[in-house]
Amino acid sequence: MSIKKIYLVRHGQTDYNLRGVVQGSGIDSVLNSTGQRQAELFFEQYKDVPFDKVYTSALQRSVQSVQGFIDLGIPHEKHAGLNEISWGTREGTRMTPEEDAYYFDMLQRWTNGETSVCIEGGESPEVVAARQRPVVDLILSRPEEETILICMHGRAMRILLCVLLNYPLSCMEEFEHQNLCLYRLDYTGTMFQVKSYCDVEHLAKFNEDAQTKG
C-alpha cells in the first residue's frame, strides 16, 4: 500500500479568537482579516501540493481557511464529525477569571484521565473522538486519495491526533496549536507518523509584516 499523506491544519483567526470569546461547535464564526491573510499565506505555500481531496468540518471558519484549494477544483467534503468540541454553556462567552478557572480545572481533569467528563452542557473528549472515528475510517477506506488536506479546530485537532496516533486522550495537551498551523502525517497502512509538528513557517511573512507595521 502506498503512503497516504495527510496535511492537517487548524482554521485561521476569527474575531472570537482575537477577543478571547469561546467558540466551540455551536458558534459558526468567520475568519477576520488576519485569518484571511493566514489562509492566503498557507495557500501560497502549499498550492502546488497535488491534493486529491479537501476535508473540513461543517463550520465556516474551517472551509474559509482552505477555500483557495477548493477554488482550484479539488473535491471537498464537509463532515460535522470534524467540528470543534461543544463547549456547552460557555460558548459565546468571554473568558473571565472565573471561566478561566473552570476551563483549566476541566483540562486538568482530562489530563488526569477523566476524559469521559463533559464540559457543562457540552461534550467530553471521548464523545468527540467517537464522532471523529467514522470520518477517519472513511478517509482511510479511500486509498486512491493519496494526499489529503484536513482543516478543523484546535481542541478537536488535539483529540484527532490522539486518535490517529493511538495515544490516550489524556495526552492531547502534548499537541500544541496556533491559528493556521500545520501537522503533516504519513499513514503507512498500519500506523501514522508525524512529519511536521505545529508548523507555522508559512506564516513568517505575516509576522514580518506585523513587525514592520509595529
N, C-alpha and C. Protein backbone atom coordinates (compact mmCIF):
# COMPACT_ATOMS: atom_id res chain seq x y z
N MET A 1 0.84 -1.20 0.00
CA MET A 1 0.00 0.00 0.00
C MET A 1 0.88 1.25 0.00
N SER A 2 0.52 2.21 -0.83
CA SER A 2 1.28 3.46 -0.88
C SER A 2 1.01 4.28 0.37
N ILE A 3 1.94 5.16 0.69
CA ILE A 3 1.78 6.02 1.86
C ILE A 3 0.75 7.10 1.58
N LYS A 4 -0.16 7.29 2.51
CA LYS A 4 -1.14 8.38 2.42
C LYS A 4 -0.58 9.57 3.18
N LYS A 5 -0.53 10.70 2.51
CA LYS A 5 -0.01 11.92 3.13
C LYS A 5 -1.18 12.78 3.58
N ILE A 6 -1.15 13.18 4.85
CA ILE A 6 -2.23 13.97 5.44
C ILE A 6 -1.68 15.30 5.92
N TYR A 7 -2.23 16.37 5.41
CA TYR A 7 -1.93 17.72 5.86
C TYR A 7 -3.10 18.17 6.73
N LEU A 8 -2.84 18.35 8.01
CA LEU A 8 -3.88 18.67 8.99
C LEU A 8 -3.65 20.07 9.53
N VAL A 9 -4.61 20.96 9.32
CA VAL A 9 -4.45 22.35 9.76
C VAL A 9 -5.62 22.80 10.63
N ARG A 10 -5.30 23.74 11.50
CA ARG A 10 -6.34 24.44 12.25
C ARG A 10 -6.77 25.66 11.44
N HIS A 11 -8.01 26.07 11.62
CA HIS A 11 -8.53 27.24 10.91
C HIS A 11 -7.78 28.51 11.28
N GLY A 12 -7.92 29.55 10.44
CA GLY A 12 -7.32 30.85 10.70
C GLY A 12 -8.06 31.61 11.79
N GLN A 13 -7.51 32.76 12.13
CA GLN A 13 -8.04 33.56 13.24
C GLN A 13 -9.43 34.11 12.95
N THR A 14 -10.25 34.15 13.98
CA THR A 14 -11.57 34.79 13.94
C THR A 14 -11.59 35.91 14.98
N ASP A 15 -12.60 36.76 14.90
CA ASP A 15 -12.72 37.81 15.92
C ASP A 15 -12.96 37.22 17.30
N TYR A 16 -13.59 36.06 17.35
CA TYR A 16 -13.79 35.39 18.65
C TYR A 16 -12.43 35.01 19.25
N ASN A 17 -11.53 34.46 18.42
CA ASN A 17 -10.17 34.17 18.89
C ASN A 17 -9.52 35.42 19.42
N LEU A 18 -9.63 36.51 18.66
CA LEU A 18 -8.96 37.76 19.00
C LEU A 18 -9.48 38.34 20.30
N ARG A 19 -10.79 38.21 20.54
CA ARG A 19 -11.42 38.81 21.72
C ARG A 19 -11.47 37.87 22.91
N GLY A 20 -10.97 36.65 22.76
CA GLY A 20 -10.99 35.71 23.87
C GLY A 20 -12.38 35.21 24.20
N VAL A 21 -13.21 35.03 23.17
CA VAL A 21 -14.56 34.52 23.34
C VAL A 21 -14.59 33.05 22.93
N VAL A 22 -15.24 32.22 23.73
CA VAL A 22 -15.30 30.78 23.48
C VAL A 22 -16.16 30.51 22.25
N GLN A 23 -15.63 29.70 21.32
CA GLN A 23 -16.40 29.37 20.11
C GLN A 23 -17.04 27.99 20.25
N GLY A 24 -16.30 26.94 19.97
CA GLY A 24 -16.89 25.61 20.04
C GLY A 24 -17.70 25.30 18.80
N SER A 25 -18.40 24.18 18.82
CA SER A 25 -19.16 23.72 17.65
C SER A 25 -20.44 24.51 17.44
N GLY A 26 -20.90 25.22 18.47
CA GLY A 26 -22.16 25.94 18.36
C GLY A 26 -22.03 27.35 17.84
N ILE A 27 -20.81 27.83 17.64
CA ILE A 27 -20.57 29.18 17.12
C ILE A 27 -19.97 29.05 15.72
N ASP A 28 -20.73 29.47 14.72
CA ASP A 28 -20.28 29.34 13.33
C ASP A 28 -19.69 30.65 12.85
N SER A 29 -18.54 31.00 13.41
CA SER A 29 -17.90 32.28 13.11
C SER A 29 -17.14 32.22 11.79
N VAL A 30 -16.74 33.40 11.31
CA VAL A 30 -15.99 33.51 10.06
C VAL A 30 -14.59 34.05 10.35
N LEU A 31 -13.71 33.91 9.38
CA LEU A 31 -12.36 34.45 9.55
C LEU A 31 -12.38 35.97 9.56
N ASN A 32 -11.53 36.57 10.38
CA ASN A 32 -11.34 38.02 10.30
C ASN A 32 -10.23 38.30 9.27
N SER A 33 -9.83 39.55 9.15
CA SER A 33 -8.83 39.90 8.13
C SER A 33 -7.50 39.19 8.36
N THR A 34 -7.13 39.02 9.63
CA THR A 34 -5.90 38.29 9.92
C THR A 34 -6.02 36.83 9.50
N GLY A 35 -7.16 36.22 9.81
CA GLY A 35 -7.38 34.83 9.42
C GLY A 35 -7.39 34.65 7.91
N GLN A 36 -7.96 35.62 7.20
CA GLN A 36 -7.96 35.55 5.74
C GLN A 36 -6.54 35.62 5.19
N ARG A 37 -5.72 36.49 5.79
CA ARG A 37 -4.33 36.60 5.35
C ARG A 37 -3.57 35.32 5.66
N GLN A 38 -3.82 34.72 6.82
CA GLN A 38 -3.19 33.46 7.16
C GLN A 38 -3.55 32.39 6.13
N ALA A 39 -4.83 32.36 5.74
CA ALA A 39 -5.28 31.38 4.76
C ALA A 39 -4.60 31.61 3.41
N GLU A 40 -4.43 32.87 3.03
CA GLU A 40 -3.76 33.20 1.77
C GLU A 40 -2.30 32.72 1.79
N LEU A 41 -1.63 32.95 2.90
CA LEU A 41 -0.22 32.56 3.00
C LEU A 41 -0.06 31.04 2.99
N PHE A 42 -0.97 30.34 3.66
CA PHE A 42 -0.91 28.88 3.63
C PHE A 42 -1.15 28.39 2.21
N PHE A 43 -2.11 28.98 1.52
CA PHE A 43 -2.39 28.58 0.14
C PHE A 43 -1.18 28.82 -0.75
N GLU A 44 -0.56 29.98 -0.62
CA GLU A 44 0.59 30.29 -1.45
C GLU A 44 1.72 29.28 -1.24
N GLN A 45 1.89 28.83 -0.01
CA GLN A 45 2.96 27.88 0.31
C GLN A 45 2.68 26.48 -0.22
N TYR A 46 1.40 26.07 -0.22
CA TYR A 46 1.07 24.67 -0.48
C TYR A 46 0.17 24.46 -1.70
N LYS A 47 -0.02 25.49 -2.52
CA LYS A 47 -0.94 25.38 -3.65
C LYS A 47 -0.50 24.37 -4.70
N ASP A 48 0.79 24.05 -4.73
CA ASP A 48 1.30 23.10 -5.72
C ASP A 48 1.31 21.66 -5.23
N VAL A 49 0.91 21.44 -3.99
CA VAL A 49 0.80 20.07 -3.49
C VAL A 49 -0.39 19.40 -4.20
N PRO A 50 -0.23 18.20 -4.74
CA PRO A 50 -1.30 17.56 -5.52
C PRO A 50 -2.37 16.91 -4.63
N PHE A 51 -3.14 17.75 -3.94
CA PHE A 51 -4.17 17.21 -3.06
C PHE A 51 -5.26 16.50 -3.87
N ASP A 52 -5.65 15.33 -3.40
CA ASP A 52 -6.74 14.58 -4.02
C ASP A 52 -8.09 14.94 -3.43
N LYS A 53 -8.11 15.43 -2.20
CA LYS A 53 -9.38 15.75 -1.54
C LYS A 53 -9.11 16.74 -0.42
N VAL A 54 -10.08 17.61 -0.21
CA VAL A 54 -10.07 18.53 0.93
C VAL A 54 -11.21 18.13 1.85
N TYR A 55 -10.91 17.91 3.11
CA TYR A 55 -11.92 17.61 4.13
C TYR A 55 -11.95 18.76 5.13
N THR A 56 -13.15 19.19 5.50
CA THR A 56 -13.29 20.22 6.52
C THR A 56 -14.40 19.83 7.48
N SER A 57 -14.46 20.56 8.58
CA SER A 57 -15.64 20.46 9.43
C SER A 57 -16.81 21.11 8.70
N ALA A 58 -17.96 21.14 9.34
CA ALA A 58 -19.13 21.78 8.73
C ALA A 58 -19.20 23.27 9.05
N LEU A 59 -18.21 23.81 9.74
CA LEU A 59 -18.23 25.20 10.19
C LEU A 59 -17.48 26.11 9.21
N GLN A 60 -18.00 27.32 9.04
CA GLN A 60 -17.50 28.24 8.01
C GLN A 60 -16.01 28.52 8.13
N ARG A 61 -15.54 28.71 9.36
CA ARG A 61 -14.14 29.12 9.52
C ARG A 61 -13.17 28.07 9.02
N SER A 62 -13.54 26.81 9.07
CA SER A 62 -12.65 25.78 8.54
C SER A 62 -12.68 25.77 7.02
N VAL A 63 -13.86 25.95 6.44
CA VAL A 63 -13.97 25.97 4.97
C VAL A 63 -13.23 27.18 4.40
N GLN A 64 -13.44 28.35 5.00
CA GLN A 64 -12.80 29.57 4.51
C GLN A 64 -11.27 29.48 4.56
N SER A 65 -10.75 28.74 5.51
CA SER A 65 -9.30 28.63 5.68
C SER A 65 -8.62 27.88 4.54
N VAL A 66 -9.38 27.05 3.83
CA VAL A 66 -8.82 26.28 2.70
C VAL A 66 -9.58 26.54 1.41
N GLN A 67 -10.28 27.68 1.36
CA GLN A 67 -11.10 27.99 0.20
C GLN A 67 -10.27 28.06 -1.09
N GLY A 68 -9.03 28.53 -0.99
CA GLY A 68 -8.17 28.61 -2.16
C GLY A 68 -8.01 27.27 -2.85
N PHE A 69 -7.87 26.21 -2.08
CA PHE A 69 -7.71 24.87 -2.65
C PHE A 69 -9.02 24.38 -3.26
N ILE A 70 -10.13 24.69 -2.60
CA ILE A 70 -11.44 24.31 -3.12
C ILE A 70 -11.69 25.02 -4.45
N ASP A 71 -11.26 26.29 -4.53
CA ASP A 71 -11.44 27.06 -5.76
C ASP A 71 -10.63 26.50 -6.92
N LEU A 72 -9.59 25.73 -6.61
CA LEU A 72 -8.81 25.07 -7.67
C LEU A 72 -9.57 23.91 -8.29
N GLY A 73 -10.69 23.54 -7.69
CA GLY A 73 -11.48 22.42 -8.18
C GLY A 73 -11.19 21.11 -7.48
N ILE A 74 -10.39 21.15 -6.41
CA ILE A 74 -10.12 19.93 -5.65
C ILE A 74 -11.40 19.50 -4.95
N PRO A 75 -11.80 18.23 -5.08
CA PRO A 75 -13.03 17.77 -4.42
C PRO A 75 -13.00 18.06 -2.92
N HIS A 76 -14.17 18.42 -2.38
CA HIS A 76 -14.26 18.88 -0.99
C HIS A 76 -15.44 18.20 -0.32
N GLU A 77 -15.22 17.75 0.90
CA GLU A 77 -16.29 17.19 1.72
C GLU A 77 -16.29 17.85 3.09
N LYS A 78 -17.50 18.18 3.57
CA LYS A 78 -17.67 18.67 4.94
C LYS A 78 -18.17 17.52 5.80
N HIS A 79 -17.63 17.43 7.01
CA HIS A 79 -18.07 16.41 7.96
C HIS A 79 -18.24 17.03 9.34
N ALA A 80 -19.45 16.97 9.86
CA ALA A 80 -19.71 17.50 11.20
C ALA A 80 -18.91 16.75 12.26
N GLY A 81 -18.48 15.53 11.94
CA GLY A 81 -17.65 14.78 12.87
C GLY A 81 -16.32 15.45 13.16
N LEU A 82 -15.92 16.39 12.29
CA LEU A 82 -14.68 17.13 12.48
C LEU A 82 -14.90 18.47 13.17
N ASN A 83 -16.14 18.77 13.54
CA ASN A 83 -16.43 20.03 14.22
C ASN A 83 -15.67 20.14 15.54
N GLU A 84 -15.52 21.39 15.99
CA GLU A 84 -14.89 21.63 17.29
C GLU A 84 -15.71 20.97 18.40
N ILE A 85 -15.06 20.71 19.53
CA ILE A 85 -15.77 20.23 20.71
C ILE A 85 -16.86 21.23 21.08
N SER A 86 -17.97 20.75 21.57
CA SER A 86 -19.00 21.65 22.10
C SER A 86 -18.60 22.08 23.51
N TRP A 87 -18.44 23.40 23.66
CA TRP A 87 -18.12 23.95 24.97
C TRP A 87 -19.39 24.29 25.76
N GLY A 88 -20.54 23.82 25.28
CA GLY A 88 -21.78 23.91 26.03
C GLY A 88 -22.17 25.32 26.41
N THR A 89 -22.46 25.52 27.69
CA THR A 89 -22.95 26.82 28.17
C THR A 89 -21.88 27.91 28.07
N ARG A 90 -20.63 27.53 27.84
CA ARG A 90 -19.55 28.52 27.76
C ARG A 90 -19.47 29.19 26.39
N GLU A 91 -20.07 28.59 25.38
CA GLU A 91 -19.93 29.11 24.03
C GLU A 91 -20.52 30.52 23.91
N GLY A 92 -19.76 31.39 23.26
CA GLY A 92 -20.21 32.77 23.07
C GLY A 92 -19.92 33.68 24.24
N THR A 93 -19.22 33.17 25.26
CA THR A 93 -18.91 33.98 26.44
C THR A 93 -17.43 34.34 26.48
N ARG A 94 -17.12 35.48 27.04
CA ARG A 94 -15.72 35.91 27.17
C ARG A 94 -15.07 35.16 28.34
N MET A 95 -13.78 34.90 28.20
CA MET A 95 -13.06 34.16 29.23
C MET A 95 -12.72 35.07 30.41
N THR A 96 -13.60 35.10 31.39
CA THR A 96 -13.37 35.83 32.63
C THR A 96 -12.45 35.00 33.53
N PRO A 97 -11.94 35.58 34.60
CA PRO A 97 -11.13 34.78 35.53
C PRO A 97 -11.88 33.55 36.05
N GLU A 98 -13.19 33.71 36.29
CA GLU A 98 -13.99 32.57 36.77
C GLU A 98 -14.08 31.49 35.69
N GLU A 99 -14.31 31.92 34.44
CA GLU A 99 -14.39 30.97 33.34
C GLU A 99 -13.04 30.29 33.13
N ASP A 100 -11.97 31.07 33.26
CA ASP A 100 -10.63 30.52 33.14
C ASP A 100 -10.40 29.41 34.16
N ALA A 101 -10.82 29.66 35.38
CA ALA A 101 -10.62 28.69 36.46
C ALA A 101 -11.38 27.39 36.15
N TYR A 102 -12.63 27.53 35.66
CA TYR A 102 -13.43 26.35 35.31
C TYR A 102 -12.76 25.59 34.16
N TYR A 103 -12.32 26.34 33.14
CA TYR A 103 -11.71 25.75 31.95
C TYR A 103 -10.45 24.98 32.32
N PHE A 104 -9.56 25.59 33.11
CA PHE A 104 -8.31 24.93 33.45
C PHE A 104 -8.52 23.76 34.40
N ASP A 105 -9.55 23.85 35.23
CA ASP A 105 -9.88 22.70 36.08
C ASP A 105 -10.34 21.53 35.21
N MET A 106 -11.15 21.83 34.18
CA MET A 106 -11.61 20.77 33.29
C MET A 106 -10.44 20.16 32.51
N LEU A 107 -9.53 21.01 32.02
CA LEU A 107 -8.36 20.50 31.31
C LEU A 107 -7.52 19.60 32.21
N GLN A 108 -7.39 19.99 33.46
CA GLN A 108 -6.61 19.18 34.40
C GLN A 108 -7.27 17.83 34.63
N ARG A 109 -8.59 17.81 34.73
CA ARG A 109 -9.30 16.55 34.91
C ARG A 109 -9.10 15.65 33.69
N TRP A 110 -9.18 16.23 32.51
CA TRP A 110 -8.95 15.44 31.29
C TRP A 110 -7.53 14.92 31.25
N THR A 111 -6.55 15.76 31.63
CA THR A 111 -5.16 15.34 31.64
C THR A 111 -4.93 14.22 32.65
N ASN A 112 -5.71 14.25 33.71
CA ASN A 112 -5.61 13.21 34.74
C ASN A 112 -6.33 11.92 34.34
N GLY A 113 -6.90 11.90 33.14
CA GLY A 113 -7.53 10.68 32.65
C GLY A 113 -9.05 10.66 32.68
N GLU A 114 -9.67 11.74 33.18
CA GLU A 114 -11.14 11.79 33.26
C GLU A 114 -11.72 12.30 31.94
N THR A 115 -11.38 11.63 30.83
CA THR A 115 -11.75 12.12 29.51
C THR A 115 -13.20 11.84 29.13
N SER A 116 -13.94 11.17 30.00
CA SER A 116 -15.37 10.96 29.76
C SER A 116 -16.22 12.08 30.35
N VAL A 117 -15.57 12.99 31.10
CA VAL A 117 -16.29 14.09 31.75
C VAL A 117 -16.60 15.17 30.72
N CYS A 118 -17.88 15.54 30.61
CA CYS A 118 -18.31 16.56 29.66
C CYS A 118 -18.20 17.95 30.26
N ILE A 119 -17.86 18.91 29.43
CA ILE A 119 -17.97 20.30 29.82
C ILE A 119 -19.45 20.56 30.09
N GLU A 120 -19.79 21.51 30.95
CA GLU A 120 -21.19 21.76 31.31
C GLU A 120 -22.03 22.08 30.06
N GLY A 121 -22.99 21.19 29.77
CA GLY A 121 -23.86 21.38 28.61
C GLY A 121 -23.23 21.02 27.29
N GLY A 122 -22.00 20.49 27.32
CA GLY A 122 -21.27 20.22 26.08
C GLY A 122 -20.77 18.79 25.99
N GLU A 123 -19.61 18.63 25.37
CA GLU A 123 -19.08 17.31 25.08
C GLU A 123 -17.84 17.01 25.91
N SER A 124 -17.50 15.74 25.94
CA SER A 124 -16.24 15.27 26.52
C SER A 124 -15.30 14.91 25.38
N PRO A 125 -14.00 14.77 25.67
CA PRO A 125 -13.08 14.29 24.64
C PRO A 125 -13.49 12.93 24.07
N GLU A 126 -14.01 12.06 24.89
CA GLU A 126 -14.41 10.74 24.40
C GLU A 126 -15.58 10.83 23.43
N VAL A 127 -16.51 11.75 23.69
CA VAL A 127 -17.64 11.95 22.78
C VAL A 127 -17.13 12.46 21.44
N VAL A 128 -16.20 13.42 21.48
CA VAL A 128 -15.64 13.97 20.24
C VAL A 128 -14.89 12.89 19.47
N ALA A 129 -14.07 12.12 20.16
CA ALA A 129 -13.32 11.05 19.49
C ALA A 129 -14.27 10.05 18.83
N ALA A 130 -15.39 9.75 19.48
CA ALA A 130 -16.35 8.79 18.93
C ALA A 130 -16.96 9.29 17.63
N ARG A 131 -17.20 10.61 17.52
CA ARG A 131 -17.78 11.13 16.27
C ARG A 131 -16.72 11.35 15.20
N GLN A 132 -15.44 11.42 15.61
CA GLN A 132 -14.36 11.54 14.63
C GLN A 132 -14.03 10.20 13.98
N ARG A 133 -14.16 9.11 14.70
CA ARG A 133 -13.68 7.82 14.20
C ARG A 133 -14.35 7.39 12.89
N PRO A 134 -15.66 7.59 12.70
CA PRO A 134 -16.24 7.22 11.40
C PRO A 134 -15.66 8.03 10.25
N VAL A 135 -15.30 9.29 10.50
CA VAL A 135 -14.68 10.11 9.46
C VAL A 135 -13.29 9.57 9.13
N VAL A 136 -12.54 9.22 10.17
CA VAL A 136 -11.21 8.63 9.96
C VAL A 136 -11.33 7.34 9.16
N ASP A 137 -12.28 6.49 9.53
CA ASP A 137 -12.46 5.22 8.82
C ASP A 137 -12.79 5.47 7.35
N LEU A 138 -13.63 6.48 7.09
CA LEU A 138 -13.99 6.82 5.72
C LEU A 138 -12.76 7.26 4.93
N ILE A 139 -11.97 8.15 5.52
CA ILE A 139 -10.76 8.65 4.84
C ILE A 139 -9.79 7.51 4.55
N LEU A 140 -9.60 6.62 5.51
CA LEU A 140 -8.65 5.53 5.33
C LEU A 140 -9.16 4.46 4.39
N SER A 141 -10.46 4.47 4.12
CA SER A 141 -11.04 3.48 3.19
C SER A 141 -10.88 3.90 1.74
N ARG A 142 -10.24 5.05 1.52
CA ARG A 142 -10.10 5.60 0.17
C ARG A 142 -8.61 5.67 -0.22
N PRO A 143 -8.01 4.54 -0.58
CA PRO A 143 -6.58 4.53 -0.91
C PRO A 143 -6.24 5.36 -2.14
N GLU A 144 -7.25 5.62 -2.98
CA GLU A 144 -6.99 6.43 -4.18
C GLU A 144 -6.70 7.89 -3.83
N GLU A 145 -7.10 8.31 -2.62
CA GLU A 145 -6.80 9.67 -2.15
C GLU A 145 -5.46 9.62 -1.42
N GLU A 146 -4.40 9.80 -2.16
CA GLU A 146 -3.06 9.62 -1.59
C GLU A 146 -2.58 10.83 -0.80
N THR A 147 -3.06 12.01 -1.16
CA THR A 147 -2.64 13.23 -0.46
C THR A 147 -3.89 14.05 -0.15
N ILE A 148 -4.13 14.29 1.12
CA ILE A 148 -5.36 14.98 1.50
C ILE A 148 -5.06 16.14 2.45
N LEU A 149 -5.97 17.10 2.45
CA LEU A 149 -5.89 18.27 3.33
C LEU A 149 -7.11 18.25 4.23
N ILE A 150 -6.88 18.36 5.53
CA ILE A 150 -7.97 18.39 6.51
C ILE A 150 -7.87 19.69 7.29
N CYS A 151 -8.96 20.45 7.36
CA CYS A 151 -8.98 21.67 8.16
C CYS A 151 -10.06 21.55 9.23
N MET A 152 -9.68 21.83 10.47
CA MET A 152 -10.62 21.69 11.58
C MET A 152 -10.30 22.68 12.69
N HIS A 153 -10.34 22.25 13.94
CA HIS A 153 -10.35 23.18 15.07
C HIS A 153 -9.38 22.70 16.16
N GLY A 154 -8.97 23.64 17.02
CA GLY A 154 -7.90 23.39 17.96
C GLY A 154 -8.08 22.19 18.87
N ARG A 155 -9.12 22.22 19.69
CA ARG A 155 -9.32 21.11 20.64
C ARG A 155 -9.64 19.82 19.91
N ALA A 156 -10.48 19.92 18.88
CA ALA A 156 -10.84 18.73 18.12
C ALA A 156 -9.62 18.15 17.41
N MET A 157 -8.71 19.02 16.97
CA MET A 157 -7.50 18.55 16.31
C MET A 157 -6.60 17.81 17.29
N ARG A 158 -6.50 18.32 18.50
CA ARG A 158 -5.71 17.63 19.53
C ARG A 158 -6.28 16.23 19.77
N ILE A 159 -7.59 16.14 19.83
CA ILE A 159 -8.24 14.84 20.05
C ILE A 159 -7.99 13.92 18.86
N LEU A 160 -8.12 14.47 17.64
CA LEU A 160 -7.92 13.66 16.45
C LEU A 160 -6.49 13.11 16.38
N LEU A 161 -5.52 13.93 16.74
CA LEU A 161 -4.13 13.45 16.73
C LEU A 161 -3.93 12.29 17.69
N CYS A 162 -4.59 12.34 18.84
CA CYS A 162 -4.54 11.20 19.77
C CYS A 162 -5.17 9.97 19.14
N VAL A 163 -6.30 10.16 18.46
CA VAL A 163 -6.98 9.04 17.81
C VAL A 163 -6.09 8.42 16.73
N LEU A 164 -5.50 9.27 15.88
CA LEU A 164 -4.68 8.77 14.78
C LEU A 164 -3.42 8.07 15.27
N LEU A 165 -2.79 8.63 16.30
CA LEU A 165 -1.52 8.11 16.80
C LEU A 165 -1.68 7.08 17.90
N ASN A 166 -2.94 6.78 18.22
CA ASN A 166 -3.24 5.78 19.25
C ASN A 166 -2.70 6.18 20.61
N TYR A 167 -2.78 7.47 20.91
CA TYR A 167 -2.41 7.99 22.22
C TYR A 167 -3.65 8.03 23.11
N PRO A 168 -3.48 7.89 24.42
CA PRO A 168 -4.62 8.15 25.32
C PRO A 168 -5.07 9.60 25.15
N LEU A 169 -6.37 9.83 25.25
CA LEU A 169 -6.89 11.19 25.11
C LEU A 169 -6.35 12.12 26.19
N SER A 170 -5.91 11.57 27.28
CA SER A 170 -5.33 12.38 28.36
C SER A 170 -4.03 13.05 27.92
N CYS A 171 -3.47 12.63 26.77
CA CYS A 171 -2.21 13.19 26.26
C CYS A 171 -2.43 14.33 25.27
N MET A 172 -3.66 14.76 25.06
CA MET A 172 -3.93 15.70 23.97
C MET A 172 -3.24 17.05 24.14
N GLU A 173 -2.90 17.45 25.38
CA GLU A 173 -2.21 18.71 25.57
C GLU A 173 -0.79 18.69 25.00
N GLU A 174 -0.29 17.50 24.67
CA GLU A 174 1.03 17.40 24.06
C GLU A 174 1.07 18.02 22.67
N PHE A 175 -0.10 18.18 22.05
CA PHE A 175 -0.16 18.68 20.68
C PHE A 175 -0.53 20.16 20.69
N GLU A 176 0.48 20.99 20.52
CA GLU A 176 0.26 22.44 20.52
C GLU A 176 -0.45 22.84 19.23
N HIS A 177 -1.09 24.01 19.27
CA HIS A 177 -1.70 24.51 18.04
C HIS A 177 -1.74 26.02 18.06
N GLN A 178 -1.74 26.60 16.87
CA GLN A 178 -1.95 28.01 16.64
C GLN A 178 -2.91 28.14 15.45
N ASN A 179 -3.44 29.33 15.24
CA ASN A 179 -4.27 29.52 14.06
C ASN A 179 -3.46 29.25 12.79
N LEU A 180 -4.01 28.43 11.93
CA LEU A 180 -3.44 28.02 10.65
C LEU A 180 -2.08 27.33 10.80
N CYS A 181 -1.90 26.56 11.88
CA CYS A 181 -0.71 25.72 12.00
C CYS A 181 -0.94 24.42 11.24
N LEU A 182 0.16 23.77 10.90
CA LEU A 182 0.12 22.54 10.11
C LEU A 182 0.76 21.38 10.86
N TYR A 183 0.05 20.26 10.87
CA TYR A 183 0.64 18.97 11.21
C TYR A 183 0.62 18.14 9.93
N ARG A 184 1.77 17.56 9.57
CA ARG A 184 1.78 16.66 8.42
C ARG A 184 2.08 15.26 8.91
N LEU A 185 1.24 14.32 8.44
CA LEU A 185 1.38 12.93 8.87
C LEU A 185 1.42 12.02 7.65
N ASP A 186 2.15 10.93 7.77
CA ASP A 186 2.14 9.86 6.78
C ASP A 186 1.44 8.66 7.38
N TYR A 187 0.57 8.02 6.59
CA TYR A 187 -0.08 6.78 7.01
C TYR A 187 0.47 5.65 6.16
N THR A 188 1.09 4.68 6.80
CA THR A 188 1.77 3.60 6.10
C THR A 188 0.86 2.43 5.77
N GLY A 189 -0.36 2.48 6.26
CA GLY A 189 -1.27 1.35 6.12
C GLY A 189 -1.52 0.67 7.45
N THR A 190 -0.58 0.85 8.37
CA THR A 190 -0.73 0.27 9.72
C THR A 190 -0.55 1.31 10.82
N MET A 191 0.15 2.41 10.53
CA MET A 191 0.40 3.40 11.56
C MET A 191 0.61 4.78 10.95
N PHE A 192 0.45 5.80 11.80
CA PHE A 192 0.68 7.19 11.41
C PHE A 192 2.03 7.65 11.95
N GLN A 193 2.72 8.47 11.15
CA GLN A 193 3.98 9.06 11.56
C GLN A 193 3.88 10.57 11.39
N VAL A 194 4.26 11.32 12.42
CA VAL A 194 4.22 12.78 12.36
C VAL A 194 5.48 13.29 11.67
N LYS A 195 5.29 14.01 10.57
CA LYS A 195 6.42 14.56 9.80
C LYS A 195 6.63 16.05 10.09
N SER A 196 5.57 16.77 10.42
CA SER A 196 5.67 18.19 10.79
C SER A 196 4.77 18.42 11.99
N TYR A 197 5.28 19.19 12.97
CA TYR A 197 4.58 19.41 14.24
C TYR A 197 4.29 20.90 14.41
N CYS A 198 3.02 21.26 14.40
CA CYS A 198 2.60 22.65 14.64
C CYS A 198 3.45 23.63 13.81
N ASP A 199 3.58 23.36 12.54
CA ASP A 199 4.43 24.15 11.65
C ASP A 199 3.70 25.44 11.24
N VAL A 200 4.34 26.57 11.47
CA VAL A 200 3.77 27.87 11.06
C VAL A 200 4.78 28.66 10.21
N GLU A 201 5.70 27.94 9.60
CA GLU A 201 6.71 28.61 8.77
C GLU A 201 6.05 29.40 7.64
N HIS A 202 4.93 28.90 7.13
CA HIS A 202 4.23 29.59 6.04
C HIS A 202 3.67 30.94 6.46
N LEU A 203 3.59 31.20 7.76
CA LEU A 203 3.07 32.48 8.26
C LEU A 203 4.19 33.48 8.55
N ALA A 204 5.42 33.14 8.20
CA ALA A 204 6.55 34.01 8.52
C ALA A 204 6.38 35.39 7.91
N LYS A 205 5.89 35.47 6.68
CA LYS A 205 5.74 36.77 6.02
C LYS A 205 4.72 37.63 6.76
N PHE A 206 3.65 37.00 7.26
CA PHE A 206 2.65 37.73 8.02
C PHE A 206 3.27 38.33 9.27
N ASN A 207 4.10 37.54 9.96
CA ASN A 207 4.75 38.03 11.18
C ASN A 207 5.74 39.15 10.86
N GLU A 208 6.43 39.03 9.73
CA GLU A 208 7.36 40.10 9.33
C GLU A 208 6.62 41.39 9.02
N ASP A 209 5.46 41.25 8.33
CA ASP A 209 4.67 42.44 8.01
C ASP A 209 4.17 43.12 9.28
N ALA A 210 3.75 42.29 10.28
CA ALA A 210 3.24 42.83 11.52
C ALA A 210 4.33 43.60 12.26
N GLN A 211 5.54 43.07 12.25
CA GLN A 211 6.65 43.75 12.92
C GLN A 211 6.99 45.05 12.22
N THR A 212 6.91 45.04 10.88
CA THR A 212 7.20 46.27 10.12
C THR A 212 6.18 47.35 10.43
N LYS A 213 4.91 46.96 10.49
CA LYS A 213 3.85 47.94 10.78
C LYS A 213 3.93 48.42 12.22
N GLY A 214 4.45 47.56 13.12
CA GLY A 214 4.55 47.93 14.52
C GLY A 214 5.60 48.99 14.74
